[in-house]
C-alpha atoms as a PDB file:
ATOM      1  CA  MET A   1     184.908  -9.947  25.791  1.00  0.00           C
ATOM      2  CA  PHE A   2     183.723  -6.323  25.894  1.00  0.00           C
ATOM      3  CA  LYS A   3     182.432  -5.339  29.339  1.00  0.00           C
ATOM      4  CA  LEU A   4     179.610  -2.806  29.392  1.00  0.00           C
ATOM      5  CA  ALA A   5     178.396  -1.194  32.630  1.00  0.00           C
ATOM      6  CA  ILE A   6     174.874   0.290  32.422  1.00  0.00           C
ATOM      7  CA  SER A   7     173.478   2.675  35.056  1.00  0.00           C
ATOM      8  CA  ALA A   8     169.775   3.590  34.941  1.00  0.00           C
ATOM      9  CA  GLY A   9     169.863   6.850  36.807  1.00  0.00           C
ATOM     10  CA  HIS A  10     168.326   7.285  40.306  1.00  0.00           C
ATOM     11  CA  TYR A  11     165.620   4.989  41.746  1.00  0.00           C
ATOM     12  CA  LEU A  12     161.885   5.040  42.245  1.00  0.00           C
ATOM     13  CA  GLY A  13     162.066   7.078  45.409  1.00  0.00           C
ATOM     14  CA  THR A  14     164.456   9.825  44.365  1.00  0.00           C
ATOM     15  CA  PRO A  15     162.736  13.132  45.404  1.00  0.00           C
ATOM     16  CA  GLY A  16     161.608  15.360  42.555  1.00  0.00           C
ATOM     17  CA  LYS A  17     162.850  13.084  39.760  1.00  0.00           C
ATOM     18  CA  ARG A  18     159.640  12.694  37.741  1.00  0.00           C
ATOM     19  CA  CYS A  19     157.706  14.197  34.878  1.00  0.00           C
ATOM     20  CA  ASP A  20     155.894  17.465  35.618  1.00  0.00           C
ATOM     21  CA  LYS A  21     152.282  16.707  36.662  1.00  0.00           C
ATOM     22  CA  SER A  22     150.898  19.351  34.334  1.00  0.00           C
ATOM     23  CA  LEU A  23     152.380  17.455  31.376  1.00  0.00           C
ATOM     24  CA  ASP A  24     152.032  13.871  32.738  1.00  0.00           C
ATOM     25  CA  PRO A  25     149.227  13.269  35.248  1.00  0.00           C
ATOM     26  CA  ASN A  26     150.943  10.028  36.240  1.00  0.00           C
ATOM     27  CA  GLU A  27     154.117  11.889  37.184  1.00  0.00           C
ATOM     28  CA  THR A  28     156.199   9.107  35.670  1.00  0.00           C
ATOM     29  CA  ARG A  29     159.407   8.651  37.661  1.00  0.00           C
ATOM     30  CA  GLU A  30     162.685   9.273  35.945  1.00  0.00           C
ATOM     31  CA  TRP A  31     164.008   5.879  36.967  1.00  0.00           C
ATOM     32  CA  VAL A  32     161.111   4.215  35.121  1.00  0.00           C
ATOM     33  CA  LEU A  33     162.074   6.026  31.885  1.00  0.00           C
ATOM     34  CA  ASN A  34     165.791   5.279  32.445  1.00  0.00           C
ATOM     35  CA  ASP A  35     165.171   1.599  33.277  1.00  0.00           C
ATOM     36  CA  ARG A  36     162.915   1.094  30.263  1.00  0.00           C
ATOM     37  CA  VAL A  37     165.690   2.165  27.896  1.00  0.00           C
ATOM     38  CA  ALA A  38     168.283   0.150  29.757  1.00  0.00           C
ATOM     39  CA  ASP A  39     166.124  -3.019  29.691  1.00  0.00           C
ATOM     40  CA  LYS A  40     165.520  -2.669  25.954  1.00  0.00           C
ATOM     41  CA  LEU A  41     169.211  -2.080  25.312  1.00  0.00           C
ATOM     42  CA  GLU A  42     170.135  -5.210  27.318  1.00  0.00           C
ATOM     43  CA  LYS A  43     167.677  -7.316  25.297  1.00  0.00           C
ATOM     44  CA  MET A  44     169.068  -6.061  22.031  1.00  0.00           C
ATOM     45  CA  LEU A  45     172.675  -6.701  23.044  1.00  0.00           C
ATOM     46  CA  ALA A  46     171.767 -10.201  24.277  1.00  0.00           C
ATOM     47  CA  GLU A  47     171.493 -11.187  20.610  1.00  0.00           C
ATOM     48  CA  TYR A  48     175.228 -10.564  20.142  1.00  0.00           C
ATOM     49  CA  ASP A  49     178.343 -12.467  21.136  1.00  0.00           C
ATOM     50  CA  GLY A  50     181.329 -10.694  22.638  1.00  0.00           C
ATOM     51  CA  ILE A  51     179.476  -8.411  25.106  1.00  0.00           C
ATOM     52  CA  GLU A  52     179.011  -8.805  28.857  1.00  0.00           C
ATOM     53  CA  ILE A  53     176.680  -6.459  30.716  1.00  0.00           C
ATOM     54  CA  LEU A  54     176.612  -5.303  34.363  1.00  0.00           C
ATOM     55  CA  ARG A  55     173.698  -3.241  35.591  1.00  0.00           C
ATOM     56  CA  VAL A  56     175.043  -1.147  38.464  1.00  0.00           C
ATOM     57  CA  ASP A  57     171.633   0.225  39.548  1.00  0.00           C
ATOM     58  CA  ASP A  58     168.979  -1.852  41.360  1.00  0.00           C
ATOM     59  CA  THR A  59     166.897  -3.281  38.533  1.00  0.00           C
ATOM     60  CA  THR A  60     163.761  -3.315  40.729  1.00  0.00           C
ATOM     61  CA  GLY A  61     164.093   0.437  41.329  1.00  0.00           C
ATOM     62  CA  LYS A  62     163.366  -0.060  45.021  1.00  0.00           C
ATOM     63  CA  LYS A  63     166.870   0.403  46.373  1.00  0.00           C
ATOM     64  CA  ASN A  64     168.892   3.575  46.179  1.00  0.00           C
ATOM     65  CA  VAL A  65     172.270   2.500  44.849  1.00  0.00           C
ATOM     66  CA  THR A  66     174.544   5.464  45.415  1.00  0.00           C
ATOM     67  CA  LEU A  67     176.699   6.900  42.667  1.00  0.00           C
ATOM     68  CA  ASP A  68     179.790   5.791  44.622  1.00  0.00           C
ATOM     69  CA  GLU A  69     178.503   2.210  44.771  1.00  0.00           C
ATOM     70  CA  ARG A  70     177.763   2.217  41.068  1.00  0.00           C
ATOM     71  CA  VAL A  71     181.196   3.495  40.099  1.00  0.00           C
ATOM     72  CA  ILE A  72     182.994   1.158  42.512  1.00  0.00           C
ATOM     73  CA  ALA A  73     181.100  -1.821  41.009  1.00  0.00           C
ATOM     74  CA  ALA A  74     182.026  -0.841  37.458  1.00  0.00           C
ATOM     75  CA  ASN A  75     185.676  -0.195  38.310  1.00  0.00           C
ATOM     76  CA  LYS A  76     186.014  -3.456  40.260  1.00  0.00           C
ATOM     77  CA  TRP A  77     184.428  -5.435  37.425  1.00  0.00           C
ATOM     78  CA  GLY A  78     186.829  -3.871  34.908  1.00  0.00           C
ATOM     79  CA  ALA A  79     184.254  -2.408  32.589  1.00  0.00           C
ATOM     80  CA  ASP A  80     185.375  -1.233  29.165  1.00  0.00           C
ATOM     81  CA  PHE A  81     182.671   1.446  28.937  1.00  0.00           C
ATOM     82  CA  TYR A  82     180.173   3.024  31.336  1.00  0.00           C
ATOM     83  CA  LEU A  83     176.818   4.291  30.108  1.00  0.00           C
ATOM     84  CA  SER A  84     174.638   6.266  32.463  1.00  0.00           C
ATOM     85  CA  ILE A  85     171.040   6.782  31.229  1.00  0.00           C
ATOM     86  CA  HIS A  86     169.065   9.781  32.528  1.00  0.00           C
ATOM     87  CA  HIS A  87     166.231  12.116  31.621  1.00  0.00           C
ATOM     88  CA  ASN A  88     166.675  15.811  32.205  1.00  0.00           C
ATOM     89  CA  ALA A  89     164.753  18.579  33.978  1.00  0.00           C
ATOM     90  CA  ALA A  90     164.873  22.371  33.896  1.00  0.00           C
ATOM     91  CA  ASN A  91     162.754  22.596  37.097  1.00  0.00           C
ATOM     92  CA  LYS A  92     160.109  24.659  35.254  1.00  0.00           C
ATOM     93  CA  VAL A  93     157.749  23.916  32.437  1.00  0.00           C
ATOM     94  CA  PHE A  94     159.161  25.194  29.170  1.00  0.00           C
ATOM     95  CA  HIS A  95     159.017  24.429  25.466  1.00  0.00           C
ATOM     96  CA  GLY A  96     162.656  23.768  24.723  1.00  0.00           C
ATOM     97  CA  GLY A  97     164.540  20.548  25.335  1.00  0.00           C
ATOM     98  CA  GLY A  98     166.433  17.813  23.516  1.00  0.00           C
ATOM     99  CA  ILE A  99     169.027  15.141  24.178  1.00  0.00           C
ATOM    100  CA  VAL A 100     172.372  16.065  25.832  1.00  0.00           C
ATOM    101  CA  ALA A 101     175.414  13.803  26.111  1.00  0.00           C
ATOM    102  CA  TYR A 102     177.871  14.506  28.970  1.00  0.00           C
ATOM    103  CA  ALA A 103     181.502  13.540  29.298  1.00  0.00           C
ATOM    104  CA  TYR A 104     183.982  14.561  31.970  1.00  0.00           C
ATOM    105  CA  THR A 105     185.687  17.978  31.621  1.00  0.00           C
ATOM    106  CA  SER A 106     189.136  16.405  31.204  1.00  0.00           C
ATOM    107  CA  ALA A 107     188.331  12.884  29.990  1.00  0.00           C
ATOM    108  CA  ARG A 108     190.441  10.666  27.811  1.00  0.00           C
ATOM    109  CA  PRO A 109     189.824  11.091  24.055  1.00  0.00           C
ATOM    110  CA  THR A 110     187.913   7.808  23.836  1.00  0.00           C
ATOM    111  CA  SER A 111     185.186   9.223  26.100  1.00  0.00           C
ATOM    112  CA  TYR A 112     184.626  12.075  23.683  1.00  0.00           C
ATOM    113  CA  GLU A 113     184.515   9.604  20.782  1.00  0.00           C
ATOM    114  CA  TRP A 114     181.844   7.642  22.572  1.00  0.00           C
ATOM    115  CA  GLN A 115     180.009  10.820  23.470  1.00  0.00           C
ATOM    116  CA  SER A 116     179.850  12.074  19.873  1.00  0.00           C
ATOM    117  CA  ALA A 117     178.882   8.650  18.479  1.00  0.00           C
ATOM    118  CA  LEU A 118     176.114   8.099  21.010  1.00  0.00           C
ATOM    119  CA  TYR A 119     174.651  11.591  20.566  1.00  0.00           C
ATOM    120  CA  ALA A 120     174.700  11.341  16.792  1.00  0.00           C
ATOM    121  CA  SER A 121     173.055   7.958  16.834  1.00  0.00           C
ATOM    122  CA  ALA A 122     170.395   9.088  19.331  1.00  0.00           C
ATOM    123  CA  ILE A 123     169.460  12.087  17.172  1.00  0.00           C
ATOM    124  CA  LYS A 124     169.455   9.996  14.039  1.00  0.00           C
ATOM    125  CA  HIS A 125     167.080   7.430  15.538  1.00  0.00           C
ATOM    126  CA  THR A 126     164.788   9.650  17.667  1.00  0.00           C
ATOM    127  CA  GLY A 127     164.973  13.110  16.084  1.00  0.00           C
ATOM    128  CA  LEU A 128     164.883  14.692  19.588  1.00  0.00           C
ATOM    129  CA  LYS A 129     167.507  17.315  18.846  1.00  0.00           C
ATOM    130  CA  GLY A 130     165.733  20.128  20.699  1.00  0.00           C
ATOM    131  CA  ASN A 131     167.357  23.541  21.143  1.00  0.00           C
ATOM    132  CA  ARG A 132     170.334  22.866  23.431  1.00  0.00           C
ATOM    133  CA  ALA A 133     173.201  25.282  22.866  1.00  0.00           C
ATOM    134  CA  ASN A 134     175.770  22.647  23.813  1.00  0.00           C
ATOM    135  CA  PRO A 135     174.391  19.100  23.350  1.00  0.00           C
ATOM    136  CA  LEU A 136     177.902  17.641  23.583  1.00  0.00           C
ATOM    137  CA  ALA A 137     178.564  18.909  27.102  1.00  0.00           C
ATOM    138  CA  ARG A 138     181.512  18.514  29.415  1.00  0.00           C
ATOM    139  CA  ALA A 139     180.845  18.574  33.149  1.00  0.00           C
ATOM    140  CA  ASN A 140     182.311  17.517  36.500  1.00  0.00           C
ATOM    141  CA  LEU A 141     179.718  14.834  37.079  1.00  0.00           C
ATOM    142  CA  PHE A 142     180.560  12.022  39.531  1.00  0.00           C
ATOM    143  CA  GLU A 143     179.889   9.028  37.288  1.00  0.00           C
ATOM    144  CA  VAL A 144     181.929  10.312  34.363  1.00  0.00           C
ATOM    145  CA  ARG A 145     184.688  11.646  36.649  1.00  0.00           C
ATOM    146  CA  GLU A 146     185.263   8.664  38.961  1.00  0.00           C
ATOM    147  CA  THR A 147     185.015   5.789  36.479  1.00  0.00           C
ATOM    148  CA  LYS A 148     188.298   4.347  35.344  1.00  0.00           C
ATOM    149  CA  MET A 149     186.956   3.544  31.861  1.00  0.00           C
ATOM    150  CA  PRO A 150     185.514   5.846  29.187  1.00  0.00           C
ATOM    151  CA  ALA A 151     182.101   7.018  30.396  1.00  0.00           C
ATOM    152  CA  VAL A 152     179.169   9.010  29.035  1.00  0.00           C
ATOM    153  CA  LEU A 153     176.016  10.210  30.724  1.00  0.00           C
ATOM    154  CA  MET A 154     173.059  10.620  28.411  1.00  0.00           C
ATOM    155  CA  GLU A 155     170.231  13.025  29.276  1.00  0.00           C
ATOM    156  CA  CYS A 156     167.449  11.697  27.057  1.00  0.00           C
ATOM    157  CA  GLY A 157     165.032  14.617  26.907  1.00  0.00           C
ATOM    158  CA  PHE A 158     163.391  16.870  29.506  1.00  0.00           C
ATOM    159  CA  MET A 159     160.630  15.759  31.871  1.00  0.00           C
ATOM    160  CA  ASP A 160     159.235  19.277  32.135  1.00  0.00           C
ATOM    161  CA  SER A 161     159.342  20.217  28.440  1.00  0.00           C
ATOM    162  CA  THR A 162     156.036  20.551  26.595  1.00  0.00           C
ATOM    163  CA  ALA A 163     157.884  19.377  23.479  1.00  0.00           C
ATOM    164  CA  ASP A 164     159.776  16.465  24.971  1.00  0.00           C
ATOM    165  CA  VAL A 165     157.396  14.867  27.488  1.00  0.00           C
ATOM    166  CA  PRO A 166     154.885  13.400  24.950  1.00  0.00           C
ATOM    167  CA  ILE A 167     157.809  11.884  23.098  1.00  0.00           C
ATOM    168  CA  ILE A 168     159.849  10.478  26.002  1.00  0.00           C
ATOM    169  CA  LEU A 169     156.825   8.825  27.502  1.00  0.00           C
ATOM    170  CA  SER A 170     156.193   6.781  24.335  1.00  0.00           C
ATOM    171  CA  GLU A 171     157.321   3.179  23.875  1.00  0.00           C
ATOM    172  CA  GLU A 172     158.531   4.017  20.376  1.00  0.00           C
ATOM    173  CA  PHE A 173     160.993   6.579  21.736  1.00  0.00           C
ATOM    174  CA  ALA A 174     162.501   4.096  24.191  1.00  0.00           C
ATOM    175  CA  ASP A 175     162.803   1.508  21.400  1.00  0.00           C
ATOM    176  CA  ASP A 176     164.497   3.996  19.122  1.00  0.00           C
ATOM    177  CA  LEU A 177     166.883   5.216  21.837  1.00  0.00           C
ATOM    178  CA  ALA A 178     167.874   1.682  22.844  1.00  0.00           C
ATOM    179  CA  LYS A 179     168.504   0.879  19.187  1.00  0.00           C
ATOM    180  CA  ALA A 180     170.625   4.030  18.818  1.00  0.00           C
ATOM    181  CA  PHE A 181     172.803   3.064  21.827  1.00  0.00           C
ATOM    182  CA  ALA A 182     173.031  -0.569  20.715  1.00  0.00           C
ATOM    183  CA  GLU A 183     174.174   0.435  17.280  1.00  0.00           C
ATOM    184  CA  VAL A 184     177.115   2.365  18.634  1.00  0.00           C
ATOM    185  CA  ILE A 185     178.070  -0.203  21.240  1.00  0.00           C
ATOM    186  CA  ILE A 186     177.958  -3.074  18.727  1.00  0.00           C
ATOM    187  CA  GLU A 187     180.089  -1.186  16.274  1.00  0.00           C
ATOM    188  CA  ARG A 188     182.711   0.013  18.814  1.00  0.00           C
ATOM    189  CA  SER A 189     182.870  -3.284  20.736  1.00  0.00           C
ATOM    190  CA  GLY A 190     183.247  -5.501  17.694  1.00  0.00           C
ATOM    191  CA  ALA A 191     180.358  -7.708  18.837  1.00  0.00           C
ATOM    192  CA  THR A 192     178.907 -10.197  16.363  1.00  0.00           C
ATOM    193  CA  LYS A 193     175.376 -11.390  15.868  1.00  0.00           C
ATOM    194  CA  LYS A 194     174.706 -14.766  17.429  1.00  0.00           C
ATOM    195  CA  LYS A 195     174.134 -17.523  14.850  1.00  0.00           C
ATOM    196  CA  GLU A 196     170.673 -18.996  14.765  1.00  0.00           C
ATOM    197  CA  PRO A 197     170.778 -22.697  15.705  1.00  0.00           C
ATOM    198  CA  ILE A 198     169.675 -25.295  13.133  1.00  0.00           C
ATOM    199  CA  TYR A 199     167.611 -28.220  14.418  1.00  0.00           C
ATOM    200  CA  LYS A 200     167.298 -31.632  12.843  1.00  0.00           C
ATOM    201  CA  VAL A 201     164.478 -34.050  13.538  1.00  0.00           C
ATOM    202  CA  GLN A 202     165.012 -37.814  13.260  1.00  0.00           C
ATOM    203  CA  VAL A 203     161.800 -39.796  12.638  1.00  0.00           C
ATOM    204  CA  GLY A 204     163.018 -43.316  13.299  1.00  0.00           C
ATOM    205  CA  SER A 205     165.585 -46.067  12.835  1.00  0.00           C
ATOM    206  CA  PHE A 206     164.872 -49.309  10.958  1.00  0.00           C
ATOM    207  CA  SER A 207     166.641 -52.642  10.584  1.00  0.00           C
ATOM    208  CA  LYS A 208     165.435 -53.063   6.991  1.00  0.00           C
ATOM    209  CA  GLU A 209     165.742 -50.511   4.160  1.00  0.00           C
ATOM    210  CA  VAL A 210     162.251 -51.186   2.925  1.00  0.00           C
ATOM    211  CA  TYR A 211     160.739 -49.912   6.131  1.00  0.00           C
ATOM    212  CA  ALA A 212     162.861 -46.793   5.963  1.00  0.00           C
ATOM    213  CA  GLU A 213     161.621 -46.190   2.398  1.00  0.00           C
ATOM    214  CA  GLU A 214     158.018 -46.574   3.487  1.00  0.00           C
ATOM    215  CA  MET A 215     158.475 -44.020   6.228  1.00  0.00           C
ATOM    216  CA  LEU A 216     160.151 -41.618   3.784  1.00  0.00           C
ATOM    217  CA  LYS A 217     157.155 -41.881   1.455  1.00  0.00           C
ATOM    218  CA  LYS A 218     154.767 -41.086   4.321  1.00  0.00           C
ATOM    219  CA  LEU A 219     156.820 -38.006   5.178  1.00  0.00           C
ATOM    220  CA  LYS A 220     156.756 -36.748   1.598  1.00  0.00           C
ATOM    221  CA  VAL A 221     152.989 -37.303   1.354  1.00  0.00           C
ATOM    222  CA  ALA A 222     152.605 -35.257   4.557  1.00  0.00           C
ATOM    223  CA  GLY A 223     154.662 -32.472   2.951  1.00  0.00           C
ATOM    224  CA  PHE A 224     157.985 -33.027   4.643  1.00  0.00           C
ATOM    225  CA  GLU A 225     161.374 -33.409   2.987  1.00  0.00           C
ATOM    226  CA  GLY A 226     163.575 -36.283   4.168  1.00  0.00           C
ATOM    227  CA  TYR A 227     166.414 -38.561   3.324  1.00  0.00           C
ATOM    228  CA  ILE A 228     167.726 -42.037   4.240  1.00  0.00           C
ATOM    229  CA  THR A 229     171.167 -42.509   5.755  1.00  0.00           C
ATOM    230  CA  THR A 230     172.916 -45.429   7.443  1.00  0.00           C
ATOM    231  CA  LEU A 231     174.437 -45.377  10.916  1.00  0.00           C
END
């Protein structure tokens, strides 16, 4: 069983973590954007066998789960991979932007493999490449440093970019981003699509064959296929 820890960055009350008001009058909170992608990803992966998911943030967004608490939960659970979902900010309105994938400065090679795969898939599905000089970045970020498993932090567009904001606010972008992440996770975890169940309906049981034949005729007249078997 592949264990996936998902962290939707921050919470509803994190100061300053929101879209710039001049670009989004609702000042959509970053956690709302992060959580939307995380929720969609969870639903997509629920259709597969071989994956277990642990959300290490508070899924209501009301409680501030610290980075330390998130990492401890993932480490204690024995996660195989840790995905932290964020949206970026330059702290000024600008026109650049794009997706950036972060791994730890001296991570194990598998972290960089995940980083490259997730970034490539995100760009393929969303097209939000932007103008980042180093979209495959390495940094001393707590979540990617303190986790015992491979970890990647995805910054999924800028909340103060005139180019990014209209895109990252859309439902379509969140769908595409979740699909991008799911594609990589499914491939690298070896998960398999759950088989659709097949249901059979029994109409009745009869002590005489003639009654069974009469019922079968009625079924066929009504447009249903059927057959007679003995118990």
